[in-house]
Amino acid sequence: MNEIRFESTAKFSDTAETLKNKLNKSIEKYQDECTFDNSEASLVWIIRGGIEYFDCIDSDFLGDGNSSGIPSMKADHFANNFYRFYNAIEELAKLWKVQFCKPDEIKLLNDIRTLIVHSGEQLCNIESLELKGYKDSQLGRIFKNDDKEPLNFMRFKEHFSKYDYCIQVWNDRHNKSKQKQLAEAYYNQQNNDFYDIDIYVKAEDIRDTLLTMVENFLNIGEMQKLKLRKEHKLPDIKERVIDLNNHMIDFDKISNLISKDCRGGYLIENGLTYWDGFGLQKIIQLC
């Protein structure tokens, strides 16, 4: 039996409202003509919701455990909220080109999410646990630290009373060796074919870990200097667009040049082109 205690390495002492305000400022900073508006809008929407959810996460975040045989709705809700929240931050960081440190605890949370959501299928990609040689990892029992299951949680309570849940992971080598002696008592135990891990988690530590991660991401993004866009200087084209002998102006050449820059006042809407120079062109043609 191995025991892992999930504990946050940093304390989040700010408020969710402050984080959301920082997020709004970052949106204004990174907004430009090349922003992928629909992608970023969705990611930001998820992050806002995630901040509110994890700021208010309580000791009942995994529900009543899985005494019925499957995790409760609250456990699935937590697992999926963590997954979409973390993915949204990681994807937005890529779009904004922000490099930030992801806490080590994220791997364990991601593994907990995998065990909850994908329980029932063979799992061999649990990253945070040392499981070399084991062919399958499964979600075992989720015990809640309350008085409803005093017998089940009895052995955990004395030393781990400050945690909200104990999540068991049951691992199996799938030992098919021909040397296996079926008649030999305790063969599997002697060869460590079965290996159980108890993970102790608390809502407060999860809150601190995730909100500190968001704060770190936003702070780095706030300090990061954006690359200045190159200014497109108009070439000296007077001789090519203006005939000084007969005072004629080639407006088509000018509009073609202006239309290549978003700040030239040239606009295309519903297939129609708008530019102040067209008005001047009409006036000159009528004179």
C-alpha atoms as a PDB file:
ATOM      1  CA  MET A   1       0.000   0.000   0.000  1.00  0.00           C
ATOM      2  CA  ASN A   2       1.354   3.402  -0.978  1.00  0.00           C
ATOM      3  CA  GLU A   3      -0.029   6.744   0.207  1.00  0.00           C
ATOM      4  CA  ILE A   4       0.009  10.092  -1.592  1.00  0.00           C
ATOM      5  CA  ARG A   5      -1.142  13.282   0.059  1.00  0.00           C
ATOM      6  CA  PHE A   6      -2.214  15.969  -2.389  1.00  0.00           C
ATOM      7  CA  GLU A   7      -1.109  19.318  -0.970  1.00  0.00           C
ATOM      8  CA  SER A   8      -0.794  22.668  -2.679  1.00  0.00           C
ATOM      9  CA  THR A   9       2.682  24.233  -2.672  1.00  0.00           C
ATOM     10  CA  ALA A  10       1.225  27.752  -2.842  1.00  0.00           C
ATOM     11  CA  LYS A  11      -1.586  29.543  -1.051  1.00  0.00           C
ATOM     12  CA  PHE A  12      -4.064  31.605  -3.051  1.00  0.00           C
ATOM     13  CA  SER A  13      -4.905  34.614  -0.894  1.00  0.00           C
ATOM     14  CA  ASP A  14      -6.606  36.849  -3.475  1.00  0.00           C
ATOM     15  CA  THR A  15     -10.207  36.797  -4.710  1.00  0.00           C
ATOM     16  CA  ALA A  16     -11.913  35.336  -7.749  1.00  0.00           C
ATOM     17  CA  GLU A  17     -13.108  38.823  -8.700  1.00  0.00           C
ATOM     18  CA  THR A  18      -9.521  40.086  -8.829  1.00  0.00           C
ATOM     19  CA  LEU A  19      -8.541  37.194 -11.094  1.00  0.00           C
ATOM     20  CA  LYS A  20     -11.415  37.889 -13.464  1.00  0.00           C
ATOM     21  CA  ASN A  21     -10.459  41.587 -13.604  1.00  0.00           C
ATOM     22  CA  LYS A  22      -6.870  40.613 -14.444  1.00  0.00           C
ATOM     23  CA  LEU A  23      -8.215  38.338 -17.153  1.00  0.00           C
ATOM     24  CA  ASN A  24     -10.226  41.215 -18.642  1.00  0.00           C
ATOM     25  CA  LYS A  25      -7.119  43.436 -18.723  1.00  0.00           C
ATOM     26  CA  SER A  26      -5.144  40.698 -20.452  1.00  0.00           C
ATOM     27  CA  ILE A  27      -7.851  40.350 -23.083  1.00  0.00           C
ATOM     28  CA  GLU A  28      -7.572  44.071 -23.846  1.00  0.00           C
ATOM     29  CA  LYS A  29      -3.779  43.804 -24.029  1.00  0.00           C
ATOM     30  CA  TYR A  30      -3.682  40.865 -26.429  1.00  0.00           C
ATOM     31  CA  GLN A  31      -6.627  41.954 -28.569  1.00  0.00           C
ATOM     32  CA  ASP A  32      -5.594  43.005 -32.070  1.00  0.00           C
ATOM     33  CA  GLU A  33      -6.630  42.680 -35.682  1.00  0.00           C
ATOM     34  CA  CYS A  34      -5.185  39.154 -35.856  1.00  0.00           C
ATOM     35  CA  THR A  35      -6.926  37.758 -32.765  1.00  0.00           C
ATOM     36  CA  PHE A  36      -8.826  34.498 -33.269  1.00  0.00           C
ATOM     37  CA  ASP A  37     -11.945  35.989 -31.713  1.00  0.00           C
ATOM     38  CA  ASN A  38     -14.200  32.939 -31.600  1.00  0.00           C
ATOM     39  CA  SER A  39     -11.501  30.646 -30.226  1.00  0.00           C
ATOM     40  CA  GLU A  40     -10.360  33.072 -27.551  1.00  0.00           C
ATOM     41  CA  ALA A  41     -13.911  34.022 -26.554  1.00  0.00           C
ATOM     42  CA  SER A  42     -14.757  30.386 -25.821  1.00  0.00           C
ATOM     43  CA  LEU A  43     -11.537  29.795 -23.868  1.00  0.00           C
ATOM     44  CA  VAL A  44     -11.993  32.950 -21.794  1.00  0.00           C
ATOM     45  CA  TRP A  45     -15.607  32.006 -21.067  1.00  0.00           C
ATOM     46  CA  ILE A  46     -14.489  28.612 -19.742  1.00  0.00           C
ATOM     47  CA  ILE A  47     -11.718  30.153 -17.641  1.00  0.00           C
ATOM     48  CA  ARG A  48     -14.131  32.652 -16.061  1.00  0.00           C
ATOM     49  CA  GLY A  49     -16.513  29.835 -15.161  1.00  0.00           C
ATOM     50  CA  GLY A  50     -13.633  27.710 -13.865  1.00  0.00           C
ATOM     51  CA  ILE A  51     -12.410  30.496 -11.598  1.00  0.00           C
ATOM     52  CA  GLU A  52     -15.871  30.783 -10.045  1.00  0.00           C
ATOM     53  CA  TYR A  53     -16.296  27.008  -9.706  1.00  0.00           C
ATOM     54  CA  PHE A  54     -12.932  26.293  -8.074  1.00  0.00           C
ATOM     55  CA  ASP A  55     -13.088  29.380  -5.873  1.00  0.00           C
ATOM     56  CA  CYS A  56     -16.270  27.968  -4.297  1.00  0.00           C
ATOM     57  CA  ILE A  57     -15.281  24.283  -4.296  1.00  0.00           C
ATOM     58  CA  ASP A  58     -16.266  22.668  -0.997  1.00  0.00           C
ATOM     59  CA  SER A  59     -15.520  19.478   0.913  1.00  0.00           C
ATOM     60  CA  ASP A  60     -18.342  17.671  -0.935  1.00  0.00           C
ATOM     61  CA  PHE A  61     -16.790  18.127  -4.396  1.00  0.00           C
ATOM     62  CA  LEU A  62     -16.703  14.361  -5.128  1.00  0.00           C
ATOM     63  CA  GLY A  63     -20.153  13.720  -3.709  1.00  0.00           C
ATOM     64  CA  ASP A  64     -20.774  10.527  -1.752  1.00  0.00           C
ATOM     65  CA  GLY A  65     -17.943   8.647  -3.453  1.00  0.00           C
ATOM     66  CA  ASN A  66     -18.645   5.478  -5.422  1.00  0.00           C
ATOM     67  CA  SER A  67     -20.330   3.172  -2.947  1.00  0.00           C
ATOM     68  CA  SER A  68     -22.979   2.521  -5.615  1.00  0.00           C
ATOM     69  CA  GLY A  69     -20.337   1.111  -7.966  1.00  0.00           C
ATOM     70  CA  ILE A  70     -19.831   4.263 -10.064  1.00  0.00           C
ATOM     71  CA  PRO A  71     -18.656   7.772  -9.123  1.00  0.00           C
ATOM     72  CA  SER A  72     -21.353  10.255  -8.164  1.00  0.00           C
ATOM     73  CA  MET A  73     -22.475  13.041 -10.508  1.00  0.00           C
ATOM     74  CA  LYS A  74     -20.446  15.537  -8.470  1.00  0.00           C
ATOM     75  CA  ALA A  75     -17.273  13.526  -9.081  1.00  0.00           C
ATOM     76  CA  ASP A  76     -17.855  13.529 -12.843  1.00  0.00           C
ATOM     77  CA  HIS A  77     -18.695  17.236 -12.699  1.00  0.00           C
ATOM     78  CA  PHE A  78     -15.446  18.001 -10.871  1.00  0.00           C
ATOM     79  CA  ALA A  79     -13.337  15.856 -13.207  1.00  0.00           C
ATOM     80  CA  ASN A  80     -14.737  17.412 -16.377  1.00  0.00           C
ATOM     81  CA  ASN A  81     -14.588  20.952 -14.999  1.00  0.00           C
ATOM     82  CA  PHE A  82     -10.923  20.512 -14.112  1.00  0.00           C
ATOM     83  CA  TYR A  83     -10.146  19.091 -17.558  1.00  0.00           C
ATOM     84  CA  ARG A  84     -11.821  21.839 -19.578  1.00  0.00           C
ATOM     85  CA  PHE A  85     -10.490  24.543 -17.228  1.00  0.00           C
ATOM     86  CA  TYR A  86      -6.866  23.393 -17.484  1.00  0.00           C
ATOM     87  CA  ASN A  87      -7.090  22.815 -21.252  1.00  0.00           C
ATOM     88  CA  ALA A  88      -8.564  26.292 -21.794  1.00  0.00           C
ATOM     89  CA  ILE A  89      -5.702  27.945 -19.894  1.00  0.00           C
ATOM     90  CA  GLU A  90      -3.089  25.921 -21.765  1.00  0.00           C
ATOM     91  CA  GLU A  91      -4.669  26.695 -25.152  1.00  0.00           C
ATOM     92  CA  LEU A  92      -5.042  30.412 -24.405  1.00  0.00           C
ATOM     93  CA  ALA A  93      -1.392  30.519 -23.297  1.00  0.00           C
ATOM     94  CA  LYS A  94      -0.426  29.106 -26.710  1.00  0.00           C
ATOM     95  CA  LEU A  95      -2.485  31.716 -28.557  1.00  0.00           C
ATOM     96  CA  TRP A  96      -1.028  34.535 -26.465  1.00  0.00           C
ATOM     97  CA  LYS A  97       2.464  32.952 -26.510  1.00  0.00           C
ATOM     98  CA  VAL A  98       2.716  33.100 -22.717  1.00  0.00           C
ATOM     99  CA  GLN A  99       5.176  30.691 -21.072  1.00  0.00           C
ATOM    100  CA  PHE A 100       4.172  29.944 -17.480  1.00  0.00           C
ATOM    101  CA  CYS A 101       5.083  27.293 -14.919  1.00  0.00           C
ATOM    102  CA  LYS A 102       2.532  24.540 -14.449  1.00  0.00           C
ATOM    103  CA  PRO A 103       2.589  23.164 -10.887  1.00  0.00           C
ATOM    104  CA  ASP A 104       3.572  19.518 -10.434  1.00  0.00           C
ATOM    105  CA  GLU A 105       0.246  18.887  -8.713  1.00  0.00           C
ATOM    106  CA  ILE A 106      -1.506  19.288 -12.072  1.00  0.00           C
ATOM    107  CA  LYS A 107      -0.275  15.847 -13.191  1.00  0.00           C
ATOM    108  CA  LEU A 108      -1.862  14.186 -10.184  1.00  0.00           C
ATOM    109  CA  LEU A 109      -5.149  16.055 -10.683  1.00  0.00           C
ATOM    110  CA  ASN A 110      -5.146  15.043 -14.336  1.00  0.00           C
ATOM    111  CA  ASP A 111      -4.609  11.408 -13.336  1.00  0.00           C
ATOM    112  CA  ILE A 112      -7.483  11.607 -10.848  1.00  0.00           C
ATOM    113  CA  ARG A 113      -9.641  12.987 -13.633  1.00  0.00           C
ATOM    114  CA  THR A 114      -8.592  10.137 -15.962  1.00  0.00           C
ATOM    115  CA  LEU A 115      -9.329   7.495 -13.318  1.00  0.00           C
ATOM    116  CA  ILE A 116     -12.792   8.926 -12.636  1.00  0.00           C
ATOM    117  CA  VAL A 117     -13.901   9.558 -16.219  1.00  0.00           C
ATOM    118  CA  HIS A 118     -12.292   6.522 -17.869  1.00  0.00           C
ATOM    119  CA  SER A 119     -12.814   3.979 -15.106  1.00  0.00           C
ATOM    120  CA  GLY A 120     -13.906   0.675 -16.585  1.00  0.00           C
ATOM    121  CA  GLU A 121     -11.388   0.667 -19.437  1.00  0.00           C
ATOM    122  CA  GLN A 122      -7.767  -0.470 -19.252  1.00  0.00           C
ATOM    123  CA  LEU A 123      -5.630   2.479 -18.147  1.00  0.00           C
ATOM    124  CA  CYS A 124      -1.862   2.415 -18.571  1.00  0.00           C
ATOM    125  CA  ASN A 125      -1.078   6.129 -18.986  1.00  0.00           C
ATOM    126  CA  ILE A 126      -1.140   7.297 -15.371  1.00  0.00           C
ATOM    127  CA  GLU A 127       1.736   9.807 -15.399  1.00  0.00           C
ATOM    128  CA  SER A 128       2.172  10.942 -11.796  1.00  0.00           C
ATOM    129  CA  LEU A 129       2.341   7.511 -10.153  1.00  0.00           C
ATOM    130  CA  GLU A 130       5.327   5.162 -10.307  1.00  0.00           C
ATOM    131  CA  LEU A 131       3.666   2.176 -11.965  1.00  0.00           C
ATOM    132  CA  LYS A 132       6.386   0.627 -14.117  1.00  0.00           C
ATOM    133  CA  GLY A 133       5.455  -2.915 -15.046  1.00  0.00           C
ATOM    134  CA  TYR A 134       1.742  -2.578 -14.260  1.00  0.00           C
ATOM    135  CA  LYS A 135      -0.522  -3.136 -17.248  1.00  0.00           C
ATOM    136  CA  ASP A 136      -3.740  -1.693 -15.842  1.00  0.00           C
ATOM    137  CA  SER A 137      -4.764   0.956 -13.338  1.00  0.00           C
ATOM    138  CA  GLN A 138      -8.331   1.279 -12.164  1.00  0.00           C
ATOM    139  CA  LEU A 139     -10.289   3.572  -9.908  1.00  0.00           C
ATOM    140  CA  GLY A 140     -10.903   1.651  -6.698  1.00  0.00           C
ATOM    141  CA  ARG A 141     -12.987   3.175  -3.941  1.00  0.00           C
ATOM    142  CA  ILE A 142     -13.631   6.834  -3.257  1.00  0.00           C
ATOM    143  CA  PHE A 143     -14.138   7.209   0.489  1.00  0.00           C
ATOM    144  CA  LYS A 144     -15.604  10.418   1.876  1.00  0.00           C
ATOM    145  CA  ASN A 145     -14.405  11.553   5.286  1.00  0.00           C
ATOM    146  CA  ASP A 146     -17.729  11.780   7.082  1.00  0.00           C
ATOM    147  CA  ASP A 147     -19.843   9.763   9.475  1.00  0.00           C
ATOM    148  CA  LYS A 148     -21.864   7.974   6.804  1.00  0.00           C
ATOM    149  CA  GLU A 149     -19.207   5.315   6.239  1.00  0.00           C
ATOM    150  CA  PRO A 150     -17.449   5.062   9.601  1.00  0.00           C
ATOM    151  CA  LEU A 151     -16.276   1.479   9.062  1.00  0.00           C
ATOM    152  CA  ASN A 152     -14.836   2.080   5.593  1.00  0.00           C
ATOM    153  CA  PHE A 153     -13.016   5.231   6.571  1.00  0.00           C
ATOM    154  CA  MET A 154     -11.978   4.072  10.049  1.00  0.00           C
ATOM    155  CA  ARG A 155      -8.381   3.272   9.183  1.00  0.00           C
ATOM    156  CA  PHE A 156      -7.928   6.603   7.367  1.00  0.00           C
ATOM    157  CA  LYS A 157      -9.440   8.933   9.930  1.00  0.00           C
ATOM    158  CA  GLU A 158      -6.819   8.777  12.649  1.00  0.00           C
ATOM    159  CA  HIS A 159      -3.916  10.068  10.563  1.00  0.00           C
ATOM    160  CA  PHE A 160      -5.716  11.801   7.687  1.00  0.00           C
ATOM    161  CA  SER A 161      -8.642  13.551   9.321  1.00  0.00           C
ATOM    162  CA  LYS A 162      -7.793  16.857   7.610  1.00  0.00           C
ATOM    163  CA  TYR A 163      -8.489  15.420   4.127  1.00  0.00           C
ATOM    164  CA  ASP A 164     -11.906  15.312   2.476  1.00  0.00           C
ATOM    165  CA  TYR A 165     -11.499  12.102   0.461  1.00  0.00           C
ATOM    166  CA  CYS A 166      -9.366   9.039   0.019  1.00  0.00           C
ATOM    167  CA  ILE A 167      -9.201   7.912  -3.628  1.00  0.00           C
ATOM    168  CA  GLN A 168      -7.919   4.387  -4.110  1.00  0.00           C
ATOM    169  CA  VAL A 169      -6.094   3.304  -7.263  1.00  0.00           C
ATOM    170  CA  TRP A 170      -5.907  -0.453  -7.889  1.00  0.00           C
ATOM    171  CA  ASN A 171      -3.088  -1.582 -10.174  1.00  0.00           C
ATOM    172  CA  ASP A 172      -2.503  -4.975 -11.779  1.00  0.00           C
ATOM    173  CA  ARG A 173       0.555  -6.456 -13.537  1.00  0.00           C
ATOM    174  CA  HIS A 174      -1.567  -8.932 -15.541  1.00  0.00           C
ATOM    175  CA  ASN A 175       1.018 -11.573 -14.713  1.00  0.00           C
ATOM    176  CA  LYS A 176       0.700 -14.461 -17.202  1.00  0.00           C
ATOM    177  CA  SER A 177       4.061 -16.039 -16.477  1.00  0.00           C
ATOM    178  CA  LYS A 178       4.248 -19.815 -17.004  1.00  0.00           C
ATOM    179  CA  GLN A 179       6.244 -20.016 -13.799  1.00  0.00           C
ATOM    180  CA  LYS A 180       3.247 -18.845 -11.844  1.00  0.00           C
ATOM    181  CA  GLN A 181       2.333 -21.538  -9.353  1.00  0.00           C
ATOM    182  CA  LEU A 182      -1.404 -21.530  -8.920  1.00  0.00           C
ATOM    183  CA  ALA A 183      -1.098 -23.803  -5.906  1.00  0.00           C
ATOM    184  CA  GLU A 184       1.375 -21.498  -4.176  1.00  0.00           C
ATOM    185  CA  ALA A 185      -0.313 -19.402  -1.535  1.00  0.00           C
ATOM    186  CA  TYR A 186       0.216 -15.641  -1.695  1.00  0.00           C
ATOM    187  CA  TYR A 187       2.010 -15.909  -5.062  1.00  0.00           C
ATOM    188  CA  ASN A 188       0.523 -12.620  -6.320  1.00  0.00           C
ATOM    189  CA  GLN A 189       1.366 -10.819  -3.113  1.00  0.00           C
ATOM    190  CA  GLN A 190       4.971 -12.033  -3.151  1.00  0.00           C
ATOM    191  CA  ASN A 191       5.417 -10.849  -6.734  1.00  0.00           C
ATOM    192  CA  ASN A 192       3.605  -7.560  -6.150  1.00  0.00           C
ATOM    193  CA  ASP A 193       1.177  -8.359  -8.959  1.00  0.00           C
ATOM    194  CA  PHE A 194      -1.438  -6.217  -7.251  1.00  0.00           C
ATOM    195  CA  TYR A 195      -0.561  -2.753  -5.980  1.00  0.00           C
ATOM    196  CA  ASP A 196      -2.898  -0.299  -4.261  1.00  0.00           C
ATOM    197  CA  ILE A 197      -2.373   3.445  -3.858  1.00  0.00           C
ATOM    198  CA  ASP A 198      -4.348   5.734  -1.557  1.00  0.00           C
ATOM    199  CA  ILE A 199      -4.551   9.392  -2.650  1.00  0.00           C
ATOM    200  CA  TYR A 200      -5.750  11.849  -0.021  1.00  0.00           C
ATOM    201  CA  VAL A 201      -7.225  15.106  -1.303  1.00  0.00           C
ATOM    202  CA  LYS A 202      -8.796  18.224   0.147  1.00  0.00           C
ATOM    203  CA  ALA A 203     -10.884  20.875  -1.636  1.00  0.00           C
ATOM    204  CA  GLU A 204      -8.853  23.765  -0.215  1.00  0.00           C
ATOM    205  CA  ASP A 205      -5.601  22.452  -1.717  1.00  0.00           C
ATOM    206  CA  ILE A 206      -7.218  21.961  -5.114  1.00  0.00           C
ATOM    207  CA  ARG A 207      -8.577  25.517  -5.017  1.00  0.00           C
ATOM    208  CA  ASP A 208      -5.172  26.957  -4.085  1.00  0.00           C
ATOM    209  CA  THR A 209      -3.363  24.954  -6.775  1.00  0.00           C
ATOM    210  CA  LEU A 210      -5.629  25.900  -9.672  1.00  0.00           C
ATOM    211  CA  LEU A 211      -6.280  29.545  -8.836  1.00  0.00           C
ATOM    212  CA  THR A 212      -2.574  30.128  -8.151  1.00  0.00           C
ATOM    213  CA  MET A 213      -1.857  28.621 -11.568  1.00  0.00           C
ATOM    214  CA  VAL A 214      -4.276  31.080 -13.215  1.00  0.00           C
ATOM    215  CA  GLU A 215      -2.765  33.965 -11.252  1.00  0.00           C
ATOM    216  CA  ASN A 216       0.729  32.941 -12.358  1.00  0.00           C
ATOM    217  CA  PHE A 217      -0.379  32.728 -15.994  1.00  0.00           C
ATOM    218  CA  LEU A 218      -2.026  36.179 -15.911  1.00  0.00           C
ATOM    219  CA  ASN A 219       0.882  37.831 -14.066  1.00  0.00           C
ATOM    220  CA  ILE A 220       3.409  36.562 -16.592  1.00  0.00           C
ATOM    221  CA  GLY A 221       1.154  37.636 -19.451  1.00  0.00           C
ATOM    222  CA  GLU A 222       0.811  41.073 -17.865  1.00  0.00           C
ATOM    223  CA  MET A 223       4.590  41.550 -17.645  1.00  0.00           C
ATOM    224  CA  GLN A 224       5.264  40.186 -21.101  1.00  0.00           C
ATOM    225  CA  LYS A 225       6.065  42.788 -23.721  1.00  0.00           C
ATOM    226  CA  LEU A 226       4.279  42.405 -27.023  1.00  0.00           C
ATOM    227  CA  LYS A 227       6.211  42.616 -30.238  1.00  0.00           C
ATOM    228  CA  LEU A 228       5.498  45.859 -32.016  1.00  0.00           C
ATOM    229  CA  ARG A 229       3.951  45.377 -35.407  1.00  0.00           C
ATOM    230  CA  LYS A 230       5.984  46.734 -38.285  1.00  0.00           C
ATOM    231  CA  GLU A 231       4.582  49.938 -39.689  1.00  0.00           C
ATOM    232  CA  HIS A 232       3.963  49.811 -43.402  1.00  0.00           C
ATOM    233  CA  LYS A 233       5.386  52.976 -44.869  1.00  0.00           C
ATOM    234  CA  LEU A 234       3.810  54.007 -48.128  1.00  0.00           C
ATOM    235  CA  PRO A 235       6.330  54.148 -50.953  1.00  0.00           C
ATOM    236  CA  ASP A 236       6.817  57.350 -52.907  1.00  0.00           C
ATOM    237  CA  ILE A 237       4.358  56.681 -55.735  1.00  0.00           C
ATOM    238  CA  LYS A 238       3.260  60.206 -56.633  1.00  0.00           C
ATOM    239  CA  GLU A 239       4.699  59.976 -60.134  1.00  0.00           C
ATOM    240  CA  ARG A 240       2.885  56.681 -60.714  1.00  0.00           C
ATOM    241  CA  VAL A 241      -0.558  57.732 -59.506  1.00  0.00           C
ATOM    242  CA  ILE A 242      -0.622  61.459 -60.314  1.00  0.00           C
ATOM    243  CA  ASP A 243      -0.203  62.876 -63.823  1.00  0.00           C
ATOM    244  CA  LEU A 244       0.903  66.454 -63.114  1.00  0.00           C
ATOM    245  CA  ASN A 245       0.502  67.498 -66.765  1.00  0.00           C
ATOM    246  CA  ASN A 246      -3.263  66.950 -66.921  1.00  0.00           C
ATOM    247  CA  HIS A 247      -3.900  66.764 -63.141  1.00  0.00           C
ATOM    248  CA  MET A 248      -5.311  63.242 -63.326  1.00  0.00           C
ATOM    249  CA  ILE A 249      -5.145  60.851 -60.345  1.00  0.00           C
ATOM    250  CA  ASP A 250      -5.198  57.073 -60.675  1.00  0.00           C
ATOM    251  CA  PHE A 251      -7.553  56.254 -57.785  1.00  0.00           C
ATOM    252  CA  ASP A 252      -7.570  52.546 -58.605  1.00  0.00           C
ATOM    253  CA  LYS A 253      -3.860  52.261 -57.838  1.00  0.00           C
ATOM    254  CA  ILE A 254      -4.247  54.235 -54.608  1.00  0.00           C
ATOM    255  CA  SER A 255      -7.191  52.168 -53.365  1.00  0.00           C
ATOM    256  CA  ASN A 256      -5.364  48.938 -54.209  1.00  0.00           C
ATOM    257  CA  LEU A 257      -2.450  50.083 -52.070  1.00  0.00           C
ATOM    258  CA  ILE A 258      -4.604  51.371 -49.178  1.00  0.00           C
ATOM    259  CA  SER A 259      -6.716  48.193 -49.056  1.00  0.00           C
ATOM    260  CA  LYS A 260      -3.680  46.137 -47.990  1.00  0.00           C
ATOM    261  CA  ASP A 261      -3.479  47.881 -44.604  1.00  0.00           C
ATOM    262  CA  CYS A 262      -6.161  47.692 -41.919  1.00  0.00           C
ATOM    263  CA  ARG A 263      -5.560  51.321 -40.891  1.00  0.00           C
ATOM    264  CA  GLY A 264      -6.016  52.849 -44.329  1.00  0.00           C
ATOM    265  CA  GLY A 265      -9.714  53.589 -43.880  1.00  0.00           C
ATOM    266  CA  TYR A 266     -10.553  51.059 -46.592  1.00  0.00           C
ATOM    267  CA  LEU A 267     -13.466  48.789 -45.662  1.00  0.00           C
ATOM    268  CA  ILE A 268     -15.204  45.886 -47.376  1.00  0.00           C
ATOM    269  CA  GLU A 269     -18.664  45.028 -46.044  1.00  0.00           C
ATOM    270  CA  ASN A 270     -21.098  42.592 -47.636  1.00  0.00           C
ATOM    271  CA  GLY A 271     -19.073  42.673 -50.830  1.00  0.00           C
ATOM    272  CA  LEU A 272     -19.217  46.483 -51.071  1.00  0.00           C
ATOM    273  CA  THR A 273     -16.093  48.642 -50.729  1.00  0.00           C
ATOM    274  CA  TYR A 274     -15.981  51.868 -48.745  1.00  0.00           C
ATOM    275  CA  TRP A 275     -13.191  54.430 -48.796  1.00  0.00           C
ATOM    276  CA  ASP A 276     -13.201  58.218 -48.436  1.00  0.00           C
ATOM    277  CA  GLY A 277     -11.048  58.495 -51.555  1.00  0.00           C
ATOM    278  CA  PHE A 278     -13.949  57.267 -53.681  1.00  0.00           C
ATOM    279  CA  GLY A 279     -15.861  60.423 -52.815  1.00  0.00           C
ATOM    280  CA  LEU A 280     -12.939  62.593 -53.895  1.00  0.00           C
ATOM    281  CA  GLN A 281     -12.707  60.567 -57.104  1.00  0.00           C
ATOM    282  CA  LYS A 282     -16.368  61.316 -57.921  1.00  0.00           C
ATOM    283  CA  ILE A 283     -15.907  65.019 -57.271  1.00  0.00           C
ATOM    284  CA  ILE A 284     -12.899  65.232 -59.589  1.00  0.00           C
ATOM    285  CA  GLN A 285     -14.705  63.278 -62.299  1.00  0.00           C
ATOM    286  CA  LEU A 286     -17.673  65.672 -62.163  1.00  0.00           C
ATOM    287  CA  CYS A 287     -15.502  68.799 -62.341  1.00  0.00           C
END
